[in-house]
Amino acid sequence: MLDLRPVGYVIGLLVASLGLTMIGPLVADLIADNGHWFVFFESAVITVLTGGLMALACANGVTAGLSLRQTFLLTSLVWLTLPVFGALPFVLGATEATFTDAFFEAMSGLTTTGATAFGGLQDMPDGLKLWRGVLQWLGGVGIIVVAMVFLPELRVGGMQIFRSEGFDTSGKILPRAGEIATRISVIYVALTLACMLSYAATGMGGFDAMVHAMTTVSTGGMANYDNSFAGFSAGVHYVAVVFMILAALPFVRFVQLLAGTAQPLVKDKQIHVFLLIIAFAVLLMSSWLWGRSGVVTEASFRNALFNVTSITTGTGYANANYMTWGTFPVVMFFFIGLIGGCAGSTSCSVKVFRYQLLFAALKSQIRQIHSPHGIFTPRYAGRAISEDVLNSVMAFLVAFVLSLGVTSVLLGMTGLDFITSVSGAAAAIANVGPGLGLEIGPAGNYAGLNDIAKWILAIAMFVGRLEIMVVLTILSIKFWRN
């Protein structure tokens, strides 16, 4: 029988830790003197007590490591449990949100999707603005640890190809997770501080700089204003681009750089392809905007650079309403949102390395057809790609497309139009945030959707953040029988 106590113990500790982070927004409301601080006090007490009691109840079952099934369960249940408690300040606070809206917002935050169910963001109490940033920032750290420790060990989506990249997690999932989290946290905090100082230096206010640094480095994209980054200066836009790109790079490379080895960072083929994709997309988009206006301007280049980077990395900020740029940008933004950043980053979506593996397999297959008696082995970064990795990637890609289709159909059944259904499904599963159209596009939000659609999207965010295959494994009958 599966022992759930080790899983419950870890989840309890994480829930209690989430409660402690509510002290930050509490202090922010005290400083703002808006009388909203008691909401975070109540939420913190409920969360810390619940998590603490859960951990105490399961403490007698703690072991040095987790079995494969326990790891699958832990990876899934953490991302379902934390949003429940993360939603408390929205339900009890000034938004007086329904649990549906509050859970949607918390799930969007922790999965770093960035879709919001609230309007009038600039009128929110400072504590709630900061809380949205904290949720995304914590989600960003969690995503890196999951990508570097759990997914390679669980052999999900081809991530096992990175098992030897800087860390050996075999058989020691929990201890190694703590070690990796410690190293990653140092880099993550340093990037966040650098981003905050850079925002402040380019004219952003101190509080806005702190919150937006959290949502930039986590590639989450939740802003303090309904118009996102449209009201900020050109300098702020360029700072955001730099840190969105840095956050979309493999964090293991930063660990190696900190250890004095820059070569892996410089020679990483995944990074090269990622940067080339952004450069090519920016060139196309800039050319389109220049041709459309008939004038070559810095503003058009900056708008192209900012929004292409934001959508490709899955951050989801916008400094302009690109729905008004014509049909080509709309189509292009839809497809680049399905690319994503690098594996082992805070970025989301399919990830660049999977496309590299796919094209390597296609190239090998074409050569095999051309020369039937030859032996052609697909390779990635100079290494032969095992059949196990290729099968895992193909399974992920098929699951991704099917999930996108099923989610789109379900959203359509709730009464949403075609563009909203398809783009909303893609934005949720790829954890990008903004969709397309007037309602959920860069100038809108998800507040007007019906409750059923919001729950479908919240589940899609969860499924997409866990790389789909983890959730499908949990749902299989064989998983529970064995």
Protein backbone atom coordinates (compact mmCIF):
# COMPACT_ATOMS: atom_id res chain seq x y z
CA MET A 1 0.00 0.00 0.00
CA LEU A 2 1.24 3.47 -0.87
CA ASP A 3 2.43 5.38 2.20
CA LEU A 4 1.17 8.96 1.91
CA ARG A 5 2.86 10.27 5.05
CA PRO A 6 6.12 11.41 3.43
CA VAL A 7 4.09 13.25 0.80
CA GLY A 8 1.82 14.82 3.41
CA TYR A 9 4.82 15.87 5.50
CA VAL A 10 6.49 17.76 2.65
CA ILE A 11 3.22 19.38 1.54
CA GLY A 12 2.51 20.42 5.13
CA LEU A 13 5.89 22.11 5.42
CA LEU A 14 5.40 23.89 2.11
CA VAL A 15 1.91 25.09 3.10
CA ALA A 16 3.25 26.41 6.41
CA SER A 17 6.10 28.13 4.57
CA LEU A 18 3.58 29.75 2.22
CA GLY A 19 1.77 31.09 5.27
CA LEU A 20 4.97 32.68 6.57
CA THR A 21 5.50 34.52 3.27
CA MET A 22 2.19 36.32 3.91
CA ILE A 23 4.06 38.43 6.46
CA GLY A 24 5.57 40.45 3.60
CA PRO A 25 2.22 41.66 2.20
CA LEU A 26 1.01 42.19 5.77
CA VAL A 27 3.91 44.57 6.37
CA ALA A 28 3.27 46.29 3.01
CA ASP A 29 -0.32 47.05 4.06
CA LEU A 30 0.84 48.27 7.46
CA ILE A 31 3.28 50.69 5.77
CA ALA A 32 0.54 51.85 3.38
CA ASP A 33 -1.80 52.29 6.37
CA ASN A 34 -4.80 51.04 4.40
CA GLY A 35 -6.26 48.83 7.13
CA HIS A 36 -5.96 45.72 4.97
CA TRP A 37 -3.17 44.05 6.96
CA PHE A 38 -5.54 41.97 9.10
CA VAL A 39 -6.57 39.97 6.01
CA PHE A 40 -3.03 38.64 5.67
CA PHE A 41 -2.82 38.04 9.42
CA GLU A 42 -5.93 35.84 9.27
CA SER A 43 -4.74 34.08 6.13
CA ALA A 44 -1.28 33.47 7.59
CA VAL A 45 -2.66 31.99 10.82
CA ILE A 46 -4.98 29.62 8.93
CA THR A 47 -2.26 28.56 6.49
CA VAL A 48 0.57 28.10 9.00
CA LEU A 49 -1.61 26.16 11.45
CA THR A 50 -3.04 23.89 8.75
CA GLY A 51 0.35 23.19 7.22
CA GLY A 52 2.02 22.73 10.58
CA LEU A 53 -0.62 20.27 11.80
CA MET A 54 -0.40 18.33 8.54
CA ALA A 55 3.38 18.08 8.86
CA LEU A 56 3.16 16.98 12.51
CA ALA A 57 0.54 14.35 11.70
CA CYS A 58 2.73 12.86 8.97
CA ALA A 59 6.14 13.30 10.67
CA ASN A 60 6.32 9.67 11.82
CA GLY A 61 6.40 8.51 8.21
CA VAL A 62 9.33 10.60 7.03
CA THR A 63 11.96 8.69 5.06
CA ALA A 64 15.29 9.60 3.50
CA GLY A 65 13.91 9.39 -0.03
CA LEU A 66 10.70 9.04 -1.96
CA SER A 67 9.54 6.16 -4.13
CA LEU A 68 8.62 6.86 -7.75
CA ARG A 69 4.89 6.87 -7.02
CA GLN A 70 5.34 9.13 -4.00
CA THR A 71 7.36 11.53 -6.16
CA PHE A 72 4.63 11.66 -8.82
CA LEU A 73 2.03 12.36 -6.14
CA LEU A 74 4.12 15.02 -4.39
CA THR A 75 4.87 16.82 -7.65
CA SER A 76 1.16 16.96 -8.49
CA LEU A 77 -0.41 17.63 -5.11
CA VAL A 78 1.89 20.54 -4.25
CA TRP A 79 0.60 22.51 -7.24
CA LEU A 80 -3.01 21.75 -6.29
CA THR A 81 -2.73 22.41 -2.55
CA LEU A 82 -0.76 25.66 -2.48
CA PRO A 83 -3.22 27.59 -4.72
CA VAL A 84 -6.04 26.74 -2.29
CA PHE A 85 -4.24 28.56 0.52
CA GLY A 86 -2.81 31.17 -1.82
CA ALA A 87 -6.39 32.11 -2.69
CA LEU A 88 -7.33 33.04 0.91
CA PRO A 89 -6.16 36.71 0.80
CA PHE A 90 -8.23 37.28 -2.36
CA VAL A 91 -11.36 35.79 -0.78
CA LEU A 92 -10.95 37.56 2.57
CA GLY A 93 -9.40 40.74 1.17
CA ALA A 94 -10.53 43.87 -0.64
CA THR A 95 -11.34 42.03 -3.86
CA GLU A 96 -13.96 39.94 -2.01
CA ALA A 97 -13.50 37.46 -4.81
CA THR A 98 -15.45 34.26 -5.21
CA PHE A 99 -13.41 31.15 -4.56
CA THR A 100 -13.42 30.46 -8.31
CA ASP A 101 -11.75 33.79 -9.12
CA ALA A 102 -9.41 33.55 -6.13
CA PHE A 103 -8.27 30.02 -7.00
CA PHE A 104 -7.86 31.01 -10.66
CA GLU A 105 -5.64 33.93 -9.63
CA ALA A 106 -3.58 31.85 -7.19
CA MET A 107 -3.13 29.01 -9.69
CA SER A 108 -2.17 31.52 -12.37
CA GLY A 109 0.35 33.03 -9.98
CA LEU A 110 2.01 29.86 -8.73
CA THR A 111 2.19 28.33 -12.21
CA THR A 112 3.60 31.70 -13.43
CA THR A 113 0.92 31.84 -16.11
CA GLY A 114 0.08 35.48 -15.45
CA ALA A 115 -3.58 35.41 -16.52
CA THR A 116 -5.68 37.51 -14.15
CA ALA A 117 -9.33 37.35 -13.15
CA PHE A 118 -9.26 40.87 -11.69
CA GLY A 119 -9.62 44.32 -13.19
CA GLY A 120 -8.66 47.62 -11.59
CA LEU A 121 -5.29 46.25 -10.52
CA GLN A 122 -3.88 49.71 -9.82
CA ASP A 123 -6.59 50.24 -7.17
CA MET A 124 -5.76 47.07 -5.23
CA PRO A 125 -4.22 47.41 -1.75
CA ASP A 126 -0.43 47.16 -1.82
CA GLY A 127 -0.54 43.89 0.09
CA LEU A 128 -2.55 42.13 -2.61
CA LYS A 129 -0.31 43.52 -5.36
CA LEU A 130 2.72 42.22 -3.51
CA TRP A 131 1.01 38.89 -2.83
CA ARG A 132 0.48 38.35 -6.55
CA GLY A 133 4.18 39.01 -7.05
CA VAL A 134 5.17 36.69 -4.19
CA LEU A 135 3.04 33.85 -5.60
CA GLN A 136 4.73 34.14 -8.98
CA TRP A 137 8.19 34.47 -7.46
CA LEU A 138 7.73 31.36 -5.32
CA GLY A 139 6.24 29.52 -8.28
CA GLY A 140 9.32 30.39 -10.35
CA VAL A 141 11.68 28.81 -7.83
CA GLY A 142 9.46 25.75 -7.55
CA ILE A 143 9.34 25.33 -11.32
CA ILE A 144 13.14 25.30 -11.60
CA VAL A 145 13.47 22.69 -8.84
CA VAL A 146 10.78 20.51 -10.44
CA ALA A 147 12.45 20.81 -13.85
CA MET A 148 15.95 20.04 -12.54
CA VAL A 149 15.14 17.37 -9.94
CA PHE A 150 11.77 15.71 -10.37
CA LEU A 151 11.03 15.68 -14.11
CA PRO A 152 14.40 14.14 -15.10
CA GLU A 153 13.96 11.50 -12.39
CA LEU A 154 10.39 10.80 -13.53
CA ARG A 155 11.55 10.60 -17.17
CA VAL A 156 8.93 13.11 -18.30
CA GLY A 157 8.93 14.76 -21.71
CA GLY A 158 12.56 13.98 -22.52
CA MET A 159 13.81 15.81 -19.43
CA GLN A 160 15.88 12.73 -18.51
CA ILE A 161 18.43 13.94 -21.05
CA PHE A 162 19.43 16.53 -18.42
CA ARG A 163 19.94 14.09 -15.54
CA SER A 164 23.72 14.46 -15.77
CA GLU A 165 23.61 18.24 -16.24
CA GLY A 166 25.32 19.42 -13.09
CA PHE A 167 23.44 17.26 -10.57
CA ASP A 168 23.01 13.56 -9.91
CA THR A 169 19.60 13.04 -8.32
CA SER A 170 19.35 9.27 -8.67
CA GLY A 171 17.82 7.67 -5.60
CA LYS A 172 18.12 10.80 -3.43
CA ILE A 173 15.27 12.99 -4.59
CA LEU A 174 14.52 14.94 -1.41
CA PRO A 175 18.09 15.56 -0.19
CA ARG A 176 19.26 16.61 -3.64
CA ALA A 177 16.19 18.82 -4.10
CA GLY A 178 17.23 20.75 -1.00
CA GLU A 179 20.80 21.12 -2.22
CA ILE A 180 19.75 22.29 -5.68
CA ALA A 181 17.12 24.65 -4.26
CA THR A 182 19.78 26.28 -2.09
CA ARG A 183 22.11 26.94 -5.01
CA ILE A 184 19.30 28.07 -7.28
CA SER A 185 17.86 30.37 -4.60
CA VAL A 186 21.11 32.33 -4.36
CA ILE A 187 21.10 32.99 -8.11
CA TYR A 188 17.35 33.62 -8.18
CA VAL A 189 17.53 36.19 -5.39
CA ALA A 190 20.54 37.88 -7.01
CA LEU A 191 18.73 38.16 -10.36
CA THR A 192 15.63 39.53 -8.62
CA LEU A 193 17.62 42.18 -6.75
CA ALA A 194 19.50 43.16 -9.91
CA CYS A 195 16.20 43.44 -11.80
CA MET A 196 14.61 45.53 -9.03
CA LEU A 197 17.57 47.95 -8.90
CA SER A 198 17.60 48.22 -12.70
CA TYR A 199 13.87 49.02 -12.77
CA ALA A 200 14.34 51.67 -10.08
CA ALA A 201 17.32 53.17 -11.95
CA THR A 202 15.22 53.58 -15.09
CA GLY A 203 12.40 55.44 -13.36
CA MET A 204 10.07 52.83 -11.88
CA GLY A 205 8.87 53.49 -8.33
CA GLY A 206 10.34 51.42 -5.50
CA PHE A 207 7.25 49.32 -4.74
CA ASP A 208 6.50 48.71 -8.42
CA ALA A 209 10.16 47.82 -9.00
CA MET A 210 10.04 45.18 -6.25
CA VAL A 211 6.81 43.54 -7.43
CA HIS A 212 7.68 43.65 -11.12
CA ALA A 213 11.15 42.25 -10.46
CA MET A 214 9.45 39.23 -8.87
CA THR A 215 7.09 38.73 -11.80
CA THR A 216 9.84 39.31 -14.38
CA VAL A 217 12.45 36.89 -13.05
CA SER A 218 9.73 34.28 -12.57
CA THR A 219 8.55 34.98 -16.17
CA GLY A 220 5.11 35.27 -14.59
CA GLY A 221 3.93 38.57 -16.01
CA MET A 222 1.45 39.76 -13.39
CA ALA A 223 1.66 43.56 -13.38
CA ASN A 224 0.36 46.18 -10.96
CA TYR A 225 -1.62 47.95 -13.68
CA ASP A 226 -4.38 46.99 -16.10
CA ASN A 227 -2.30 48.32 -19.01
CA SER A 228 0.69 46.19 -17.90
CA PHE A 229 3.93 47.93 -18.99
CA ALA A 230 2.37 50.48 -21.35
CA GLY A 231 2.75 53.31 -18.86
CA PHE A 232 6.47 52.80 -18.23
CA SER A 233 9.46 54.40 -19.93
CA ALA A 234 11.58 52.96 -22.75
CA GLY A 235 14.37 52.23 -20.27
CA VAL A 236 12.05 50.07 -18.18
CA HIS A 237 11.03 48.15 -21.30
CA TYR A 238 14.63 47.33 -22.20
CA VAL A 239 15.40 46.26 -18.61
CA ALA A 240 12.40 43.92 -18.71
CA VAL A 241 13.63 42.37 -21.97
CA VAL A 242 17.09 41.66 -20.53
CA PHE A 243 15.78 39.95 -17.41
CA MET A 244 13.02 38.03 -19.20
CA ILE A 245 15.72 36.54 -21.42
CA LEU A 246 18.02 35.76 -18.48
CA ALA A 247 15.17 34.06 -16.61
CA ALA A 248 14.43 31.90 -19.68
CA LEU A 249 17.97 30.45 -19.74
CA PRO A 250 18.88 27.16 -17.97
CA PHE A 251 19.65 27.99 -14.35
CA VAL A 252 22.11 25.11 -14.15
CA ARG A 253 24.32 27.20 -16.43
CA PHE A 254 24.26 30.02 -13.87
CA VAL A 255 25.22 27.51 -11.16
CA GLN A 256 28.16 26.40 -13.29
CA LEU A 257 29.08 30.02 -14.03
CA LEU A 258 29.07 30.79 -10.31
CA ALA A 259 31.41 27.83 -9.85
CA GLY A 260 33.84 29.44 -12.30
CA THR A 261 32.92 27.57 -15.48
CA ALA A 262 31.54 29.82 -18.23
CA GLN A 263 32.04 27.39 -21.12
CA PRO A 264 28.76 25.44 -20.70
CA LEU A 265 26.78 28.70 -20.79
CA VAL A 266 28.57 29.97 -23.89
CA LYS A 267 28.42 26.69 -25.81
CA ASP A 268 24.87 25.60 -24.95
CA LYS A 269 23.10 24.92 -28.27
CA GLN A 270 19.70 25.31 -26.67
CA ILE A 271 20.58 28.87 -25.65
CA HIS A 272 21.89 29.64 -29.15
CA VAL A 273 18.65 28.47 -30.80
CA PHE A 274 16.50 30.30 -28.24
CA LEU A 275 18.29 33.61 -28.86
CA LEU A 276 18.15 33.09 -32.64
CA ILE A 277 14.38 32.51 -32.47
CA ILE A 278 13.89 35.77 -30.57
CA ALA A 279 16.21 37.69 -32.92
CA PHE A 280 14.45 36.37 -36.03
CA ALA A 281 10.96 37.01 -34.62
CA VAL A 282 11.91 40.55 -33.58
CA LEU A 283 13.32 41.26 -37.05
CA LEU A 284 10.11 40.04 -38.70
CA MET A 285 7.86 41.95 -36.32
CA SER A 286 9.89 45.16 -36.55
CA SER A 287 9.87 44.97 -40.35
CA TRP A 288 6.11 44.48 -40.29
CA LEU A 289 5.55 47.51 -38.03
CA TRP A 290 7.95 49.68 -40.03
CA GLY A 291 6.29 48.68 -43.29
CA ARG A 292 2.81 49.23 -41.84
CA SER A 293 3.63 52.76 -40.60
CA GLY A 294 6.02 53.68 -43.41
CA VAL A 295 8.52 55.02 -40.85
CA VAL A 296 11.50 53.30 -39.21
CA THR A 297 11.32 54.23 -35.52
CA GLU A 298 12.93 53.07 -32.29
CA ALA A 299 9.48 52.76 -30.68
CA SER A 300 8.38 50.17 -33.24
CA PHE A 301 11.56 48.15 -32.71
CA ARG A 302 11.15 48.38 -28.93
CA ASN A 303 7.51 47.29 -29.07
CA ALA A 304 8.43 44.34 -31.29
CA LEU A 305 11.36 43.37 -29.04
CA PHE A 306 9.40 43.68 -25.81
CA ASN A 307 6.28 41.78 -26.87
CA VAL A 308 8.11 39.06 -28.81
CA THR A 309 10.38 38.41 -25.82
CA SER A 310 7.45 38.51 -23.40
CA ILE A 311 5.35 35.99 -25.33
CA THR A 312 8.24 33.68 -26.29
CA THR A 313 9.46 33.41 -22.69
CA GLY A 314 5.88 33.00 -21.46
CA THR A 315 6.06 36.11 -19.28
CA GLY A 316 2.95 37.71 -20.75
CA TYR A 317 3.65 41.41 -20.19
CA ALA A 318 2.47 43.84 -22.87
CA ASN A 319 3.53 47.42 -23.55
CA ALA A 320 1.05 47.85 -26.41
CA ASN A 321 -2.15 46.28 -27.69
CA TYR A 322 -0.71 44.09 -30.45
CA MET A 323 -4.23 43.02 -31.45
CA THR A 324 -4.36 46.31 -33.38
CA TRP A 325 -1.18 45.58 -35.37
CA GLY A 326 -2.87 43.47 -38.02
CA THR A 327 -3.39 39.76 -38.66
CA PHE A 328 0.26 38.71 -39.10
CA PRO A 329 1.36 39.72 -35.55
CA VAL A 330 -1.66 37.96 -34.05
CA VAL A 331 -0.83 34.68 -35.82
CA MET A 332 2.86 35.04 -35.02
CA PHE A 333 2.28 35.68 -31.31
CA PHE A 334 0.05 32.60 -31.13
CA PHE A 335 2.77 30.33 -32.50
CA ILE A 336 5.82 31.79 -30.70
CA GLY A 337 3.89 31.34 -27.46
CA LEU A 338 4.02 27.61 -28.15
CA ILE A 339 7.84 27.63 -28.30
CA GLY A 340 8.89 28.74 -24.82
CA GLY A 341 12.34 29.18 -23.30
CA CYS A 342 15.02 26.73 -22.24
CA ALA A 343 14.66 23.64 -20.05
CA GLY A 344 15.54 24.26 -16.41
CA SER A 345 14.42 27.89 -16.48
CA THR A 346 11.34 29.67 -15.14
CA SER A 347 10.01 29.81 -18.70
CA CYS A 348 7.15 27.66 -19.90
CA SER A 349 5.47 26.07 -22.93
CA VAL A 350 6.99 23.25 -25.03
CA LYS A 351 10.65 24.37 -24.56
CA VAL A 352 13.31 24.85 -27.23
CA PHE A 353 15.18 21.59 -26.59
CA ARG A 354 12.15 19.48 -27.53
CA TYR A 355 11.96 21.13 -30.94
CA GLN A 356 15.70 20.52 -31.34
CA LEU A 357 15.23 16.83 -30.55
CA LEU A 358 12.24 16.65 -32.89
CA PHE A 359 14.18 18.18 -35.80
CA ALA A 360 17.17 15.92 -35.08
CA ALA A 361 14.88 12.89 -35.30
CA LEU A 362 13.27 14.19 -38.51
CA LYS A 363 16.67 14.82 -40.08
CA SER A 364 17.83 11.32 -39.17
CA GLN A 365 14.64 9.78 -40.56
CA ILE A 366 14.92 11.69 -43.86
CA ARG A 367 18.53 10.57 -44.27
CA GLN A 368 17.47 7.00 -43.49
CA ILE A 369 14.82 7.12 -46.22
CA HIS A 370 17.35 8.56 -48.68
CA SER A 371 19.99 5.93 -47.78
CA PRO A 372 18.17 2.82 -46.48
CA HIS A 373 21.39 0.92 -45.75
CA GLY A 374 23.00 3.70 -43.74
CA ILE A 375 22.95 4.08 -39.96
CA PHE A 376 21.95 7.54 -38.85
CA THR A 377 21.68 8.38 -35.15
CA PRO A 378 19.95 11.61 -34.09
CA ARG A 379 22.21 13.72 -31.89
CA TYR A 380 21.76 16.59 -29.46
CA ALA A 381 24.68 18.77 -28.35
CA GLY A 382 27.08 16.19 -29.80
CA ARG A 383 25.52 13.28 -27.90
CA ALA A 384 23.45 10.45 -29.36
CA ILE A 385 19.79 10.71 -28.42
CA SER A 386 18.48 7.52 -26.89
CA GLU A 387 15.24 5.96 -28.06
CA ASP A 388 13.88 6.41 -24.54
CA VAL A 389 14.34 10.19 -24.73
CA LEU A 390 12.85 10.44 -28.22
CA ASN A 391 9.80 8.40 -27.25
CA SER A 392 9.31 10.57 -24.19
CA VAL A 393 9.48 13.77 -26.25
CA MET A 394 7.09 12.43 -28.89
CA ALA A 395 4.64 11.36 -26.19
CA PHE A 396 4.82 14.82 -24.63
CA LEU A 397 4.23 16.60 -27.95
CA VAL A 398 1.24 14.39 -28.78
CA ALA A 399 -0.18 14.93 -25.27
CA PHE A 400 0.38 18.69 -25.59
CA VAL A 401 -1.52 18.92 -28.89
CA LEU A 402 -4.34 16.69 -27.64
CA SER A 403 -4.63 18.68 -24.40
CA LEU A 404 -4.78 21.89 -26.42
CA GLY A 405 -7.55 20.46 -28.59
CA VAL A 406 -9.60 19.04 -25.71
CA THR A 407 -9.31 22.26 -23.68
CA SER A 408 -10.33 24.36 -26.69
CA VAL A 409 -13.42 22.19 -27.26
CA LEU A 410 -14.40 22.33 -23.58
CA LEU A 411 -14.04 26.12 -23.54
CA GLY A 412 -16.13 26.33 -26.70
CA MET A 413 -18.85 24.28 -24.99
CA THR A 414 -19.09 26.95 -22.28
CA GLY A 415 -20.12 29.50 -24.91
CA LEU A 416 -16.78 31.15 -25.71
CA ASP A 417 -16.03 32.10 -29.31
CA PHE A 418 -13.42 30.26 -31.41
CA ILE A 419 -10.54 32.76 -30.96
CA THR A 420 -11.08 33.04 -27.21
CA SER A 421 -11.37 29.25 -26.80
CA VAL A 422 -8.28 28.30 -28.80
CA SER A 423 -6.03 31.14 -27.63
CA GLY A 424 -7.20 30.77 -24.03
CA ALA A 425 -6.45 27.05 -24.10
CA ALA A 426 -2.98 27.72 -25.57
CA ALA A 427 -2.28 30.52 -23.08
CA ALA A 428 -3.23 28.28 -20.14
CA ILE A 429 -1.54 25.04 -21.17
CA ALA A 430 1.60 26.88 -22.32
CA ASN A 431 1.41 29.09 -19.18
CA VAL A 432 1.79 32.24 -21.27
CA GLY A 433 -1.03 34.32 -19.75
CA PRO A 434 -2.72 36.64 -22.25
CA GLY A 435 -4.74 35.14 -25.04
CA LEU A 436 -6.04 36.73 -28.22
CA GLY A 437 -9.18 38.72 -28.93
CA LEU A 438 -10.84 41.65 -27.22
CA GLU A 439 -11.75 39.83 -23.99
CA ILE A 440 -8.57 37.96 -22.95
CA GLY A 441 -6.05 39.70 -25.22
CA PRO A 442 -3.27 42.05 -24.08
CA ALA A 443 -5.78 44.83 -23.37
CA GLY A 444 -8.22 42.60 -21.49
CA ASN A 445 -8.37 39.99 -18.72
CA TYR A 446 -10.20 36.79 -17.76
CA ALA A 447 -12.67 38.45 -15.37
CA GLY A 448 -15.61 38.27 -17.78
CA LEU A 449 -15.39 34.51 -18.41
CA ASN A 450 -17.95 32.22 -16.81
CA ASP A 451 -16.97 30.13 -13.78
CA ILE A 452 -16.85 26.84 -15.68
CA ALA A 453 -14.42 28.32 -18.21
CA LYS A 454 -12.22 29.62 -15.38
CA TRP A 455 -12.06 26.19 -13.76
CA ILE A 456 -11.19 24.57 -17.09
CA LEU A 457 -8.41 27.12 -17.59
CA ALA A 458 -7.14 26.70 -14.02
CA ILE A 459 -6.87 22.93 -14.54
CA ALA A 460 -5.15 23.55 -17.89
CA MET A 461 -2.57 25.78 -16.17
CA PHE A 462 -1.91 23.03 -13.65
CA VAL A 463 -1.60 20.35 -16.33
CA GLY A 464 0.67 22.52 -18.49
CA ARG A 465 2.95 23.51 -15.64
CA LEU A 466 3.55 19.86 -14.72
CA GLU A 467 4.45 19.02 -18.33
CA ILE A 468 1.16 17.12 -18.86
CA MET A 469 2.63 13.60 -18.55
CA VAL A 470 2.89 13.77 -14.76
CA VAL A 471 -0.85 14.41 -14.47
CA LEU A 472 -1.73 11.73 -17.03
CA THR A 473 0.35 9.21 -15.09
CA ILE A 474 -1.44 10.07 -11.84
CA LEU A 475 -4.81 9.59 -13.56
CA SER A 476 -3.97 6.13 -14.88
CA ILE A 477 -5.47 3.12 -13.09
CA LYS A 478 -2.20 1.19 -13.38
CA PHE A 479 -0.44 3.83 -11.30
CA TRP A 480 -2.67 3.07 -8.30
CA ARG A 481 -2.70 -0.70 -8.81
CA ASN A 482 1.09 -0.93 -8.69
